[in-house]
Amino acid sequence: MSSLVGITTVVGMVLTLSACSKTNDTVILRLGHSLDTQHTVHKAMVHLGERLDFYSNGSMQVLIYPSSQLGSERQMVELLQIGSLAMTKVSASPLEGFVPEMQLFSIPYVFRDRDHFWKVLNSDLGKALLKGTENVRLKGLGYYDAGSRSFYTTNAPVHSPADLQGKKIRVLNSPTAVRTVKALGGAATPVSWGELYTALQQGVVDGAENNPPSYYLSRHYEISRYYTLDEHTSVPDVMLASLKVWDSLTAQQQNWLSMAMADSVEYQKTLWQQASDEALAAVKEAGVEVIYPDKQLFRDAVKEFHQSFAGTEVGKIMQQIDQM
């Protein structure tokens, strides 16, 4: 099936459903995403619906379509842009194609730690980055925690950037992510998520990088037995709404949705921390060598990469973040 036929089919399906409909004076918002129902973000979306129901006294409801029922992540973003779907979740990395400043999340060691990361996201700067999506008919509602990305390798442990030299490391399909791995000494190799297990198994790549729950749930630890918690990047998930749908809501309804989203974010942060702790415990139990490296070695390795942004808009934002 061609991509054109695929998106036409999905559009037809969602148009039949309607992104935002009214039933007996109840506003129904349809939310599609690509995650399974055990994921912390899905559970947070369920909580979002519960809180919206509470705040609106039952006059607003969220219907969730998980597991790519309404298409791929890209297709669902396109459905938002034309107003055929109310909400979806994306990673901040692909959003750099819409909002160039979003690439800062793929730059290593922009944030000092988790507290600093959330301080930035909750600041006026974090809100301004969300607002940038409005230029492409999307409304940024908030950020979900997707943890920090760390390296895992198959044949040898990584204690410092020197250990990454010559190793083929799978990366996200993001120019900034590719530059990050290169800056740290690895050979960046884009591979689709669905093909990564086999790529690790067959030695197409020597390792990859991701957060603890993803490393565990993907079962990549069965092959790549070394996990180095260097935590080089923190790329949040972003909840997006259709700007067309958002604008169709009253100010009161928008406020209810914003409050429900805020509650959902706090709920998911707690779930995420639990999931990360449980994932690390599980891979250790399975015999994985979890390495806690000297992060300063990694920070030093990307100084030149950071300096390359001097004088750019992203560079200015990085300076602001550093002073926060």
C-alpha atoms as a PDB file:
ATOM      1  CA  MET A   1       0.000   0.000   0.000  1.00  0.00           C
ATOM      2  CA  SER A   2       1.436   3.368  -0.979  1.00  0.00           C
ATOM      3  CA  SER A   3       1.781   6.078   1.655  1.00  0.00           C
ATOM      4  CA  LEU A   4      -0.823   8.136  -0.227  1.00  0.00           C
ATOM      5  CA  VAL A   5      -3.347   5.314  -0.146  1.00  0.00           C
ATOM      6  CA  GLY A   6      -2.470   4.657   3.504  1.00  0.00           C
ATOM      7  CA  ILE A   7      -3.035   8.214   4.661  1.00  0.00           C
ATOM      8  CA  THR A   8      -6.223   8.456   2.575  1.00  0.00           C
ATOM      9  CA  THR A   9      -7.572   5.330   4.277  1.00  0.00           C
ATOM     10  CA  VAL A  10      -6.708   6.654   7.717  1.00  0.00           C
ATOM     11  CA  VAL A  11      -8.183  10.078   6.944  1.00  0.00           C
ATOM     12  CA  GLY A  12     -11.377   8.403   5.813  1.00  0.00           C
ATOM     13  CA  MET A  13     -11.569   6.359   8.997  1.00  0.00           C
ATOM     14  CA  VAL A  14     -10.978   9.324  11.285  1.00  0.00           C
ATOM     15  CA  LEU A  15     -13.254  11.639   9.330  1.00  0.00           C
ATOM     16  CA  THR A  16     -15.989   9.080   9.887  1.00  0.00           C
ATOM     17  CA  LEU A  17     -15.259   9.223  13.608  1.00  0.00           C
ATOM     18  CA  SER A  18     -14.674  13.003  13.738  1.00  0.00           C
ATOM     19  CA  ALA A  19     -11.765  14.416  15.773  1.00  0.00           C
ATOM     20  CA  CYS A  20     -13.995  16.403  18.066  1.00  0.00           C
ATOM     21  CA  SER A  21     -17.697  15.619  18.193  1.00  0.00           C
ATOM     22  CA  LYS A  22     -20.664  16.377  20.403  1.00  0.00           C
ATOM     23  CA  THR A  23     -23.007  13.749  21.783  1.00  0.00           C
ATOM     24  CA  ASN A  24     -25.830  15.028  23.995  1.00  0.00           C
ATOM     25  CA  ASP A  25     -23.797  18.183  24.700  1.00  0.00           C
ATOM     26  CA  THR A  26     -20.691  16.119  25.560  1.00  0.00           C
ATOM     27  CA  VAL A  27     -17.510  17.072  23.667  1.00  0.00           C
ATOM     28  CA  ILE A  28     -15.600  13.949  22.622  1.00  0.00           C
ATOM     29  CA  LEU A  29     -11.892  14.348  21.790  1.00  0.00           C
ATOM     30  CA  ARG A  30     -10.245  11.522  19.879  1.00  0.00           C
ATOM     31  CA  LEU A  31      -6.628  10.732  20.738  1.00  0.00           C
ATOM     32  CA  GLY A  32      -4.472   8.344  18.711  1.00  0.00           C
ATOM     33  CA  HIS A  33      -0.978   7.086  19.486  1.00  0.00           C
ATOM     34  CA  SER A  34       1.480   4.325  18.560  1.00  0.00           C
ATOM     35  CA  LEU A  35       2.228   2.909  22.035  1.00  0.00           C
ATOM     36  CA  ASP A  36       0.887  -0.246  23.641  1.00  0.00           C
ATOM     37  CA  THR A  37      -1.506  -0.014  26.561  1.00  0.00           C
ATOM     38  CA  GLN A  38       1.128  -0.958  29.160  1.00  0.00           C
ATOM     39  CA  HIS A  39       3.269   2.099  28.405  1.00  0.00           C
ATOM     40  CA  THR A  40       3.411   4.825  31.054  1.00  0.00           C
ATOM     41  CA  VAL A  41       2.356   7.448  28.499  1.00  0.00           C
ATOM     42  CA  HIS A  42      -0.786   5.486  27.577  1.00  0.00           C
ATOM     43  CA  LYS A  43      -1.642   5.176  31.265  1.00  0.00           C
ATOM     44  CA  ALA A  44      -1.086   8.921  31.623  1.00  0.00           C
ATOM     45  CA  MET A  45      -3.450   9.536  28.714  1.00  0.00           C
ATOM     46  CA  VAL A  46      -6.115   7.463  30.456  1.00  0.00           C
ATOM     47  CA  HIS A  47      -5.539   9.637  33.524  1.00  0.00           C
ATOM     48  CA  LEU A  48      -5.869  12.726  31.304  1.00  0.00           C
ATOM     49  CA  GLY A  49      -9.311  11.536  30.240  1.00  0.00           C
ATOM     50  CA  GLU A  50     -10.338  10.864  33.822  1.00  0.00           C
ATOM     51  CA  ARG A  51      -9.215  14.307  34.984  1.00  0.00           C
ATOM     52  CA  LEU A  52     -10.899  16.021  32.020  1.00  0.00           C
ATOM     53  CA  ASP A  53     -14.116  14.207  32.840  1.00  0.00           C
ATOM     54  CA  PHE A  54     -13.763  15.442  36.440  1.00  0.00           C
ATOM     55  CA  TYR A  55     -12.981  19.071  35.629  1.00  0.00           C
ATOM     56  CA  SER A  56     -15.708  19.347  32.988  1.00  0.00           C
ATOM     57  CA  ASN A  57     -18.277  17.531  35.131  1.00  0.00           C
ATOM     58  CA  GLY A  58     -18.659  14.940  32.397  1.00  0.00           C
ATOM     59  CA  SER A  59     -19.117  17.400  29.543  1.00  0.00           C
ATOM     60  CA  MET A  60     -15.771  16.494  27.901  1.00  0.00           C
ATOM     61  CA  GLN A  61     -14.501  12.999  27.161  1.00  0.00           C
ATOM     62  CA  VAL A  62     -11.323  11.544  25.626  1.00  0.00           C
ATOM     63  CA  LEU A  63     -11.476   8.434  23.424  1.00  0.00           C
ATOM     64  CA  ILE A  64      -8.073   6.778  23.035  1.00  0.00           C
ATOM     65  CA  TYR A  65      -6.960   4.696  20.039  1.00  0.00           C
ATOM     66  CA  PRO A  66      -3.617   3.051  20.999  1.00  0.00           C
ATOM     67  CA  SER A  67      -1.151   0.829  19.129  1.00  0.00           C
ATOM     68  CA  SER A  68      -1.193   2.741  15.814  1.00  0.00           C
ATOM     69  CA  GLN A  69      -4.877   1.970  15.172  1.00  0.00           C
ATOM     70  CA  LEU A  70      -5.163   5.318  13.363  1.00  0.00           C
ATOM     71  CA  GLY A  71      -1.874   5.128  11.501  1.00  0.00           C
ATOM     72  CA  SER A  72       1.786   5.869  12.048  1.00  0.00           C
ATOM     73  CA  GLU A  73       3.063   8.712  14.208  1.00  0.00           C
ATOM     74  CA  ARG A  74       3.660  10.829  11.111  1.00  0.00           C
ATOM     75  CA  GLN A  75       0.190  10.079   9.719  1.00  0.00           C
ATOM     76  CA  MET A  76      -1.441  11.060  13.006  1.00  0.00           C
ATOM     77  CA  VAL A  77       0.445  14.375  13.056  1.00  0.00           C
ATOM     78  CA  GLU A  78      -0.864  15.041   9.544  1.00  0.00           C
ATOM     79  CA  LEU A  79      -4.392  14.217  10.739  1.00  0.00           C
ATOM     80  CA  LEU A  80      -3.970  16.763  13.523  1.00  0.00           C
ATOM     81  CA  GLN A  81      -2.880  19.411  11.052  1.00  0.00           C
ATOM     82  CA  ILE A  82      -6.072  19.045   9.021  1.00  0.00           C
ATOM     83  CA  GLY A  83      -8.267  18.754  12.107  1.00  0.00           C
ATOM     84  CA  SER A  84      -9.273  15.115  11.600  1.00  0.00           C
ATOM     85  CA  LEU A  85      -7.764  13.955  14.914  1.00  0.00           C
ATOM     86  CA  ALA A  86      -7.754  15.849  18.203  1.00  0.00           C
ATOM     87  CA  MET A  87      -4.535  14.701  19.907  1.00  0.00           C
ATOM     88  CA  THR A  88      -1.458  12.522  19.579  1.00  0.00           C
ATOM     89  CA  LYS A  89       1.966  11.989  21.148  1.00  0.00           C
ATOM     90  CA  VAL A  90       5.313  12.395  19.389  1.00  0.00           C
ATOM     91  CA  SER A  91       8.945  12.433  20.442  1.00  0.00           C
ATOM     92  CA  ALA A  92      10.526  15.896  20.494  1.00  0.00           C
ATOM     93  CA  SER A  93      13.302  14.719  18.122  1.00  0.00           C
ATOM     94  CA  PRO A  94      11.237  14.521  14.906  1.00  0.00           C
ATOM     95  CA  LEU A  95       9.615  17.844  15.833  1.00  0.00           C
ATOM     96  CA  GLU A  96      12.886  19.610  15.036  1.00  0.00           C
ATOM     97  CA  GLY A  97      11.697  19.409  11.418  1.00  0.00           C
ATOM     98  CA  PHE A  98       8.798  21.703  12.398  1.00  0.00           C
ATOM     99  CA  VAL A  99      10.410  23.690  15.217  1.00  0.00           C
ATOM    100  CA  PRO A 100      14.194  23.894  14.626  1.00  0.00           C
ATOM    101  CA  GLU A 101      14.829  24.893  18.245  1.00  0.00           C
ATOM    102  CA  MET A 102      13.523  21.468  19.350  1.00  0.00           C
ATOM    103  CA  GLN A 103      16.843  19.997  18.210  1.00  0.00           C
ATOM    104  CA  LEU A 104      18.323  21.123  21.538  1.00  0.00           C
ATOM    105  CA  PHE A 105      16.792  18.009  23.137  1.00  0.00           C
ATOM    106  CA  SER A 106      18.990  15.823  20.908  1.00  0.00           C
ATOM    107  CA  ILE A 107      22.156  17.707  21.850  1.00  0.00           C
ATOM    108  CA  PRO A 108      24.092  15.836  24.566  1.00  0.00           C
ATOM    109  CA  TYR A 109      24.469  17.189  28.091  1.00  0.00           C
ATOM    110  CA  VAL A 110      22.330  20.296  27.685  1.00  0.00           C
ATOM    111  CA  PHE A 111      20.731  19.451  31.042  1.00  0.00           C
ATOM    112  CA  ARG A 112      22.658  18.873  34.268  1.00  0.00           C
ATOM    113  CA  ASP A 113      20.227  16.348  35.739  1.00  0.00           C
ATOM    114  CA  ARG A 114      16.524  15.396  35.857  1.00  0.00           C
ATOM    115  CA  ASP A 115      15.577  18.307  38.129  1.00  0.00           C
ATOM    116  CA  HIS A 116      17.263  20.785  35.781  1.00  0.00           C
ATOM    117  CA  PHE A 117      15.528  19.151  32.798  1.00  0.00           C
ATOM    118  CA  TRP A 118      12.064  19.624  34.338  1.00  0.00           C
ATOM    119  CA  LYS A 119      12.892  23.128  35.522  1.00  0.00           C
ATOM    120  CA  VAL A 120      13.554  24.062  31.894  1.00  0.00           C
ATOM    121  CA  LEU A 121      10.453  22.312  30.539  1.00  0.00           C
ATOM    122  CA  ASN A 122       8.223  24.042  33.083  1.00  0.00           C
ATOM    123  CA  SER A 123       9.783  27.462  32.432  1.00  0.00           C
ATOM    124  CA  ASP A 124       8.695  30.153  29.977  1.00  0.00           C
ATOM    125  CA  LEU A 125      11.362  28.799  27.632  1.00  0.00           C
ATOM    126  CA  GLY A 126       9.814  25.320  27.687  1.00  0.00           C
ATOM    127  CA  LYS A 127       6.387  26.813  27.031  1.00  0.00           C
ATOM    128  CA  ALA A 128       7.758  28.908  24.156  1.00  0.00           C
ATOM    129  CA  LEU A 129       9.138  25.781  22.480  1.00  0.00           C
ATOM    130  CA  LEU A 130       5.681  24.190  22.682  1.00  0.00           C
ATOM    131  CA  LYS A 131       4.112  27.328  21.236  1.00  0.00           C
ATOM    132  CA  GLY A 132       6.432  27.075  18.226  1.00  0.00           C
ATOM    133  CA  THR A 133       4.359  24.152  16.943  1.00  0.00           C
ATOM    134  CA  GLU A 134       1.454  26.531  16.261  1.00  0.00           C
ATOM    135  CA  ASN A 135       3.242  27.651  13.074  1.00  0.00           C
ATOM    136  CA  VAL A 136       2.399  24.229  11.612  1.00  0.00           C
ATOM    137  CA  ARG A 137      -1.216  24.036  12.886  1.00  0.00           C
ATOM    138  CA  LEU A 138      -0.337  22.063  16.022  1.00  0.00           C
ATOM    139  CA  LYS A 139      -0.915  22.968  19.670  1.00  0.00           C
ATOM    140  CA  GLY A 140       1.693  21.792  22.169  1.00  0.00           C
ATOM    141  CA  LEU A 141      -0.166  20.753  25.332  1.00  0.00           C
ATOM    142  CA  GLY A 142       2.723  19.502  27.444  1.00  0.00           C
ATOM    143  CA  TYR A 143       5.718  17.215  27.890  1.00  0.00           C
ATOM    144  CA  TYR A 144       5.876  13.623  29.073  1.00  0.00           C
ATOM    145  CA  ASP A 145       8.995  12.070  30.599  1.00  0.00           C
ATOM    146  CA  ALA A 146      10.918   9.719  28.308  1.00  0.00           C
ATOM    147  CA  GLY A 147      13.955   9.530  30.558  1.00  0.00           C
ATOM    148  CA  SER A 148      17.569   9.838  29.456  1.00  0.00           C
ATOM    149  CA  ARG A 149      19.231   7.879  26.665  1.00  0.00           C
ATOM    150  CA  SER A 150      22.293   5.773  27.472  1.00  0.00           C
ATOM    151  CA  PHE A 151      24.470   3.393  25.464  1.00  0.00           C
ATOM    152  CA  TYR A 152      24.191  -0.382  25.425  1.00  0.00           C
ATOM    153  CA  THR A 153      26.664  -2.601  23.601  1.00  0.00           C
ATOM    154  CA  THR A 154      27.062  -6.238  22.647  1.00  0.00           C
ATOM    155  CA  ASN A 155      30.730  -7.262  22.607  1.00  0.00           C
ATOM    156  CA  ALA A 156      32.515  -4.890  25.002  1.00  0.00           C
ATOM    157  CA  PRO A 157      31.589  -2.444  27.769  1.00  0.00           C
ATOM    158  CA  VAL A 158      31.754   1.333  27.371  1.00  0.00           C
ATOM    159  CA  HIS A 159      33.400   3.186  30.250  1.00  0.00           C
ATOM    160  CA  SER A 160      34.404   6.319  28.310  1.00  0.00           C
ATOM    161  CA  PRO A 161      34.019   7.880  24.842  1.00  0.00           C
ATOM    162  CA  ALA A 162      37.270   6.151  23.845  1.00  0.00           C
ATOM    163  CA  ASP A 163      35.431   2.825  24.109  1.00  0.00           C
ATOM    164  CA  LEU A 164      32.942   3.978  21.460  1.00  0.00           C
ATOM    165  CA  GLN A 165      35.625   4.452  18.813  1.00  0.00           C
ATOM    166  CA  GLY A 166      34.747   2.453  15.704  1.00  0.00           C
ATOM    167  CA  LYS A 167      31.582   1.003  17.181  1.00  0.00           C
ATOM    168  CA  LYS A 168      28.441   1.117  15.003  1.00  0.00           C
ATOM    169  CA  ILE A 169      25.721   2.579  17.215  1.00  0.00           C
ATOM    170  CA  ARG A 170      22.078   2.645  16.193  1.00  0.00           C
ATOM    171  CA  VAL A 171      20.577   6.142  16.465  1.00  0.00           C
ATOM    172  CA  LEU A 172      17.236   7.838  15.947  1.00  0.00           C
ATOM    173  CA  ASN A 173      16.578   9.180  12.469  1.00  0.00           C
ATOM    174  CA  SER A 174      17.539  12.694  13.570  1.00  0.00           C
ATOM    175  CA  PRO A 175      20.471  14.727  12.169  1.00  0.00           C
ATOM    176  CA  THR A 176      21.306  15.967  15.664  1.00  0.00           C
ATOM    177  CA  ALA A 177      21.240  12.436  17.106  1.00  0.00           C
ATOM    178  CA  VAL A 178      23.658  11.341  14.371  1.00  0.00           C
ATOM    179  CA  ARG A 179      26.001  14.229  15.210  1.00  0.00           C
ATOM    180  CA  THR A 180      25.818  13.345  18.906  1.00  0.00           C
ATOM    181  CA  VAL A 181      27.067   9.787  18.433  1.00  0.00           C
ATOM    182  CA  LYS A 182      29.781  10.982  16.057  1.00  0.00           C
ATOM    183  CA  ALA A 183      30.895  13.597  18.609  1.00  0.00           C
ATOM    184  CA  LEU A 184      31.221  10.845  21.208  1.00  0.00           C
ATOM    185  CA  GLY A 185      33.338   8.714  18.888  1.00  0.00           C
ATOM    186  CA  GLY A 186      30.830   6.198  17.575  1.00  0.00           C
ATOM    187  CA  ALA A 187      29.748   5.453  14.007  1.00  0.00           C
ATOM    188  CA  ALA A 188      26.106   6.560  13.889  1.00  0.00           C
ATOM    189  CA  THR A 189      23.932   4.015  12.091  1.00  0.00           C
ATOM    190  CA  PRO A 190      20.202   4.726  11.643  1.00  0.00           C
ATOM    191  CA  VAL A 191      18.129   1.527  11.953  1.00  0.00           C
ATOM    192  CA  SER A 192      14.361   1.339  12.402  1.00  0.00           C
ATOM    193  CA  TRP A 193      13.212   0.363  15.893  1.00  0.00           C
ATOM    194  CA  GLY A 194      11.404  -2.725  14.621  1.00  0.00           C
ATOM    195  CA  GLU A 195      14.564  -4.061  12.960  1.00  0.00           C
ATOM    196  CA  LEU A 196      16.971  -3.263  15.803  1.00  0.00           C
ATOM    197  CA  TYR A 197      16.775  -6.577  17.697  1.00  0.00           C
ATOM    198  CA  THR A 198      17.812  -8.473  14.581  1.00  0.00           C
ATOM    199  CA  ALA A 199      20.462  -5.867  13.711  1.00  0.00           C
ATOM    200  CA  LEU A 200      22.039  -6.324  17.162  1.00  0.00           C
ATOM    201  CA  GLN A 201      21.761 -10.101  16.883  1.00  0.00           C
ATOM    202  CA  GLN A 202      23.445 -10.226  13.464  1.00  0.00           C
ATOM    203  CA  GLY A 203      26.122  -7.664  14.317  1.00  0.00           C
ATOM    204  CA  VAL A 204      24.848  -5.076  11.829  1.00  0.00           C
ATOM    205  CA  VAL A 205      25.318  -2.650  14.726  1.00  0.00           C
ATOM    206  CA  ASP A 206      27.480  -3.035  17.840  1.00  0.00           C
ATOM    207  CA  GLY A 207      25.016  -1.297  20.110  1.00  0.00           C
ATOM    208  CA  ALA A 208      22.346   1.323  20.489  1.00  0.00           C
ATOM    209  CA  GLU A 209      21.155   3.919  22.985  1.00  0.00           C
ATOM    210  CA  ASN A 210      17.896   4.307  24.841  1.00  0.00           C
ATOM    211  CA  ASN A 211      16.259   4.717  28.235  1.00  0.00           C
ATOM    212  CA  PRO A 212      16.042   1.812  30.747  1.00  0.00           C
ATOM    213  CA  PRO A 213      12.376   0.824  30.144  1.00  0.00           C
ATOM    214  CA  SER A 214      12.880   0.705  26.357  1.00  0.00           C
ATOM    215  CA  TYR A 215      16.119  -1.293  26.743  1.00  0.00           C
ATOM    216  CA  TYR A 216      14.317  -3.767  28.983  1.00  0.00           C
ATOM    217  CA  LEU A 217      10.911  -4.084  27.270  1.00  0.00           C
ATOM    218  CA  SER A 218      12.508  -4.450  23.805  1.00  0.00           C
ATOM    219  CA  ARG A 219      14.548  -7.372  25.224  1.00  0.00           C
ATOM    220  CA  HIS A 220      17.671  -5.859  23.663  1.00  0.00           C
ATOM    221  CA  TYR A 221      19.425  -6.751  26.926  1.00  0.00           C
ATOM    222  CA  GLU A 222      19.314 -10.390  25.806  1.00  0.00           C
ATOM    223  CA  ILE A 223      21.939  -9.543  23.179  1.00  0.00           C
ATOM    224  CA  SER A 224      23.595  -6.326  24.356  1.00  0.00           C
ATOM    225  CA  ARG A 225      24.730  -7.226  27.856  1.00  0.00           C
ATOM    226  CA  TYR A 226      26.525  -3.969  28.737  1.00  0.00           C
ATOM    227  CA  TYR A 227      24.482  -0.898  29.696  1.00  0.00           C
ATOM    228  CA  THR A 228      26.381   2.339  30.327  1.00  0.00           C
ATOM    229  CA  LEU A 229      24.323   4.960  32.179  1.00  0.00           C
ATOM    230  CA  ASP A 230      26.018   7.991  30.637  1.00  0.00           C
ATOM    231  CA  GLU A 231      22.585   9.660  30.152  1.00  0.00           C
ATOM    232  CA  HIS A 232      23.745  11.803  27.244  1.00  0.00           C
ATOM    233  CA  THR A 233      20.398  13.137  26.063  1.00  0.00           C
ATOM    234  CA  SER A 234      16.951  13.710  27.541  1.00  0.00           C
ATOM    235  CA  VAL A 235      14.358  13.790  24.779  1.00  0.00           C
ATOM    236  CA  PRO A 236      10.801  14.299  26.099  1.00  0.00           C
ATOM    237  CA  ASP A 237       7.613  13.121  24.490  1.00  0.00           C
ATOM    238  CA  VAL A 238       5.276  15.909  23.450  1.00  0.00           C
ATOM    239  CA  MET A 239       1.481  15.819  23.592  1.00  0.00           C
ATOM    240  CA  LEU A 240       0.091  17.642  20.592  1.00  0.00           C
ATOM    241  CA  ALA A 241      -3.424  18.790  19.816  1.00  0.00           C
ATOM    242  CA  SER A 242      -4.866  19.902  16.522  1.00  0.00           C
ATOM    243  CA  LEU A 243      -4.808  23.707  16.536  1.00  0.00           C
ATOM    244  CA  LYS A 244      -8.079  23.613  14.573  1.00  0.00           C
ATOM    245  CA  VAL A 245      -9.702  21.472  17.273  1.00  0.00           C
ATOM    246  CA  TRP A 246      -8.184  23.576  20.076  1.00  0.00           C
ATOM    247  CA  ASP A 247      -9.556  26.765  18.540  1.00  0.00           C
ATOM    248  CA  SER A 248     -13.019  25.184  18.325  1.00  0.00           C
ATOM    249  CA  LEU A 249     -13.128  24.814  22.134  1.00  0.00           C
ATOM    250  CA  THR A 250     -14.376  27.541  24.448  1.00  0.00           C
ATOM    251  CA  ALA A 251     -11.900  29.268  26.777  1.00  0.00           C
ATOM    252  CA  GLN A 252     -13.361  27.252  29.666  1.00  0.00           C
ATOM    253  CA  GLN A 253     -12.962  23.973  27.801  1.00  0.00           C
ATOM    254  CA  GLN A 254      -9.365  24.870  26.899  1.00  0.00           C
ATOM    255  CA  ASN A 255      -8.672  25.566  30.559  1.00  0.00           C
ATOM    256  CA  TRP A 256     -10.148  22.228  31.632  1.00  0.00           C
ATOM    257  CA  LEU A 257      -8.009  20.415  29.061  1.00  0.00           C
ATOM    258  CA  SER A 258      -4.864  22.295  30.183  1.00  0.00           C
ATOM    259  CA  MET A 259      -5.517  21.400  33.832  1.00  0.00           C
ATOM    260  CA  ALA A 260      -6.135  17.751  32.952  1.00  0.00           C
ATOM    261  CA  MET A 261      -2.904  17.710  30.946  1.00  0.00           C
ATOM    262  CA  ALA A 262      -0.936  19.132  33.889  1.00  0.00           C
ATOM    263  CA  ASP A 263      -2.300  16.394  36.161  1.00  0.00           C
ATOM    264  CA  SER A 264      -1.480  13.779  33.540  1.00  0.00           C
ATOM    265  CA  VAL A 265       2.130  14.973  33.288  1.00  0.00           C
ATOM    266  CA  GLU A 266       2.714  14.712  37.040  1.00  0.00           C
ATOM    267  CA  TYR A 267       1.117  11.265  37.121  1.00  0.00           C
ATOM    268  CA  GLN A 268       3.289  10.027  34.241  1.00  0.00           C
ATOM    269  CA  LYS A 269       6.501  11.362  35.808  1.00  0.00           C
ATOM    270  CA  THR A 270       5.875   9.151  38.845  1.00  0.00           C
ATOM    271  CA  LEU A 271       5.036   6.135  36.667  1.00  0.00           C
ATOM    272  CA  TRP A 272       8.155   6.714  34.578  1.00  0.00           C
ATOM    273  CA  GLN A 273      10.497   6.791  37.563  1.00  0.00           C
ATOM    274  CA  GLN A 274       8.975   3.541  38.836  1.00  0.00           C
ATOM    275  CA  ALA A 275       9.297   1.932  35.411  1.00  0.00           C
ATOM    276  CA  SER A 276      12.949   3.024  35.110  1.00  0.00           C
ATOM    277  CA  ASP A 277      13.853   1.659  38.545  1.00  0.00           C
ATOM    278  CA  GLU A 278      12.088  -1.632  37.825  1.00  0.00           C
ATOM    279  CA  ALA A 279      13.754  -1.962  34.404  1.00  0.00           C
ATOM    280  CA  LEU A 280      17.245  -1.455  35.825  1.00  0.00           C
ATOM    281  CA  ALA A 281      16.586  -3.969  38.576  1.00  0.00           C
ATOM    282  CA  ALA A 282      15.278  -6.490  36.029  1.00  0.00           C
ATOM    283  CA  VAL A 283      18.255  -6.262  33.635  1.00  0.00           C
ATOM    284  CA  LYS A 284      20.700  -6.520  36.531  1.00  0.00           C
ATOM    285  CA  GLU A 285      18.855  -9.624  37.684  1.00  0.00           C
ATOM    286  CA  ALA A 286      19.195 -10.986  34.134  1.00  0.00           C
ATOM    287  CA  GLY A 287      22.979 -10.596  34.343  1.00  0.00           C
ATOM    288  CA  VAL A 288      23.495  -7.330  32.472  1.00  0.00           C
ATOM    289  CA  GLU A 289      26.572  -5.359  33.517  1.00  0.00           C
ATOM    290  CA  VAL A 290      25.234  -1.885  34.361  1.00  0.00           C
ATOM    291  CA  ILE A 291      28.056   0.668  34.239  1.00  0.00           C
ATOM    292  CA  TYR A 292      28.018   4.044  35.988  1.00  0.00           C
ATOM    293  CA  PRO A 293      30.725   5.981  34.114  1.00  0.00           C
ATOM    294  CA  ASP A 294      32.398   9.298  34.866  1.00  0.00           C
ATOM    295  CA  LYS A 295      30.011  11.543  32.915  1.00  0.00           C
ATOM    296  CA  GLN A 296      32.547  14.373  32.840  1.00  0.00           C
ATOM    297  CA  LEU A 297      34.557  12.376  30.278  1.00  0.00           C
ATOM    298  CA  PHE A 298      31.515  12.378  28.006  1.00  0.00           C
ATOM    299  CA  ARG A 299      30.747  16.042  28.654  1.00  0.00           C
ATOM    300  CA  ASP A 300      34.310  16.989  27.737  1.00  0.00           C
ATOM    301  CA  ALA A 301      34.039  15.011  24.498  1.00  0.00           C
ATOM    302  CA  VAL A 302      31.097  17.116  23.255  1.00  0.00           C
ATOM    303  CA  LYS A 303      32.425  20.599  24.119  1.00  0.00           C
ATOM    304  CA  GLU A 304      33.383  21.256  20.503  1.00  0.00           C
ATOM    305  CA  PHE A 305      29.933  20.079  19.421  1.00  0.00           C
ATOM    306  CA  HIS A 306      28.349  22.581  21.833  1.00  0.00           C
ATOM    307  CA  GLN A 307      30.615  25.365  20.550  1.00  0.00           C
ATOM    308  CA  SER A 308      29.418  24.716  16.999  1.00  0.00           C
ATOM    309  CA  PHE A 309      26.073  26.263  17.982  1.00  0.00           C
ATOM    310  CA  ALA A 310      27.636  29.587  19.016  1.00  0.00           C
ATOM    311  CA  GLY A 311      25.811  32.536  17.461  1.00  0.00           C
ATOM    312  CA  THR A 312      22.787  30.445  16.457  1.00  0.00           C
ATOM    313  CA  GLU A 313      19.293  30.583  17.927  1.00  0.00           C
ATOM    314  CA  VAL A 314      19.795  27.147  19.447  1.00  0.00           C
ATOM    315  CA  GLY A 315      23.113  28.318  20.910  1.00  0.00           C
ATOM    316  CA  LYS A 316      21.378  31.245  22.593  1.00  0.00           C
ATOM    317  CA  ILE A 317      18.788  28.895  24.091  1.00  0.00           C
ATOM    318  CA  MET A 318      21.553  26.605  25.337  1.00  0.00           C
ATOM    319  CA  GLN A 319      23.138  29.580  27.125  1.00  0.00           C
ATOM    320  CA  GLN A 320      19.798  30.417  28.740  1.00  0.00           C
ATOM    321  CA  ILE A 321      19.408  26.814  29.881  1.00  0.00           C
ATOM    322  CA  ASP A 322      22.917  26.740  31.303  1.00  0.00           C
ATOM    323  CA  GLN A 323      22.106  29.764  33.484  1.00  0.00           C
ATOM    324  CA  MET A 324      18.878  28.295  34.844  1.00  0.00           C
END
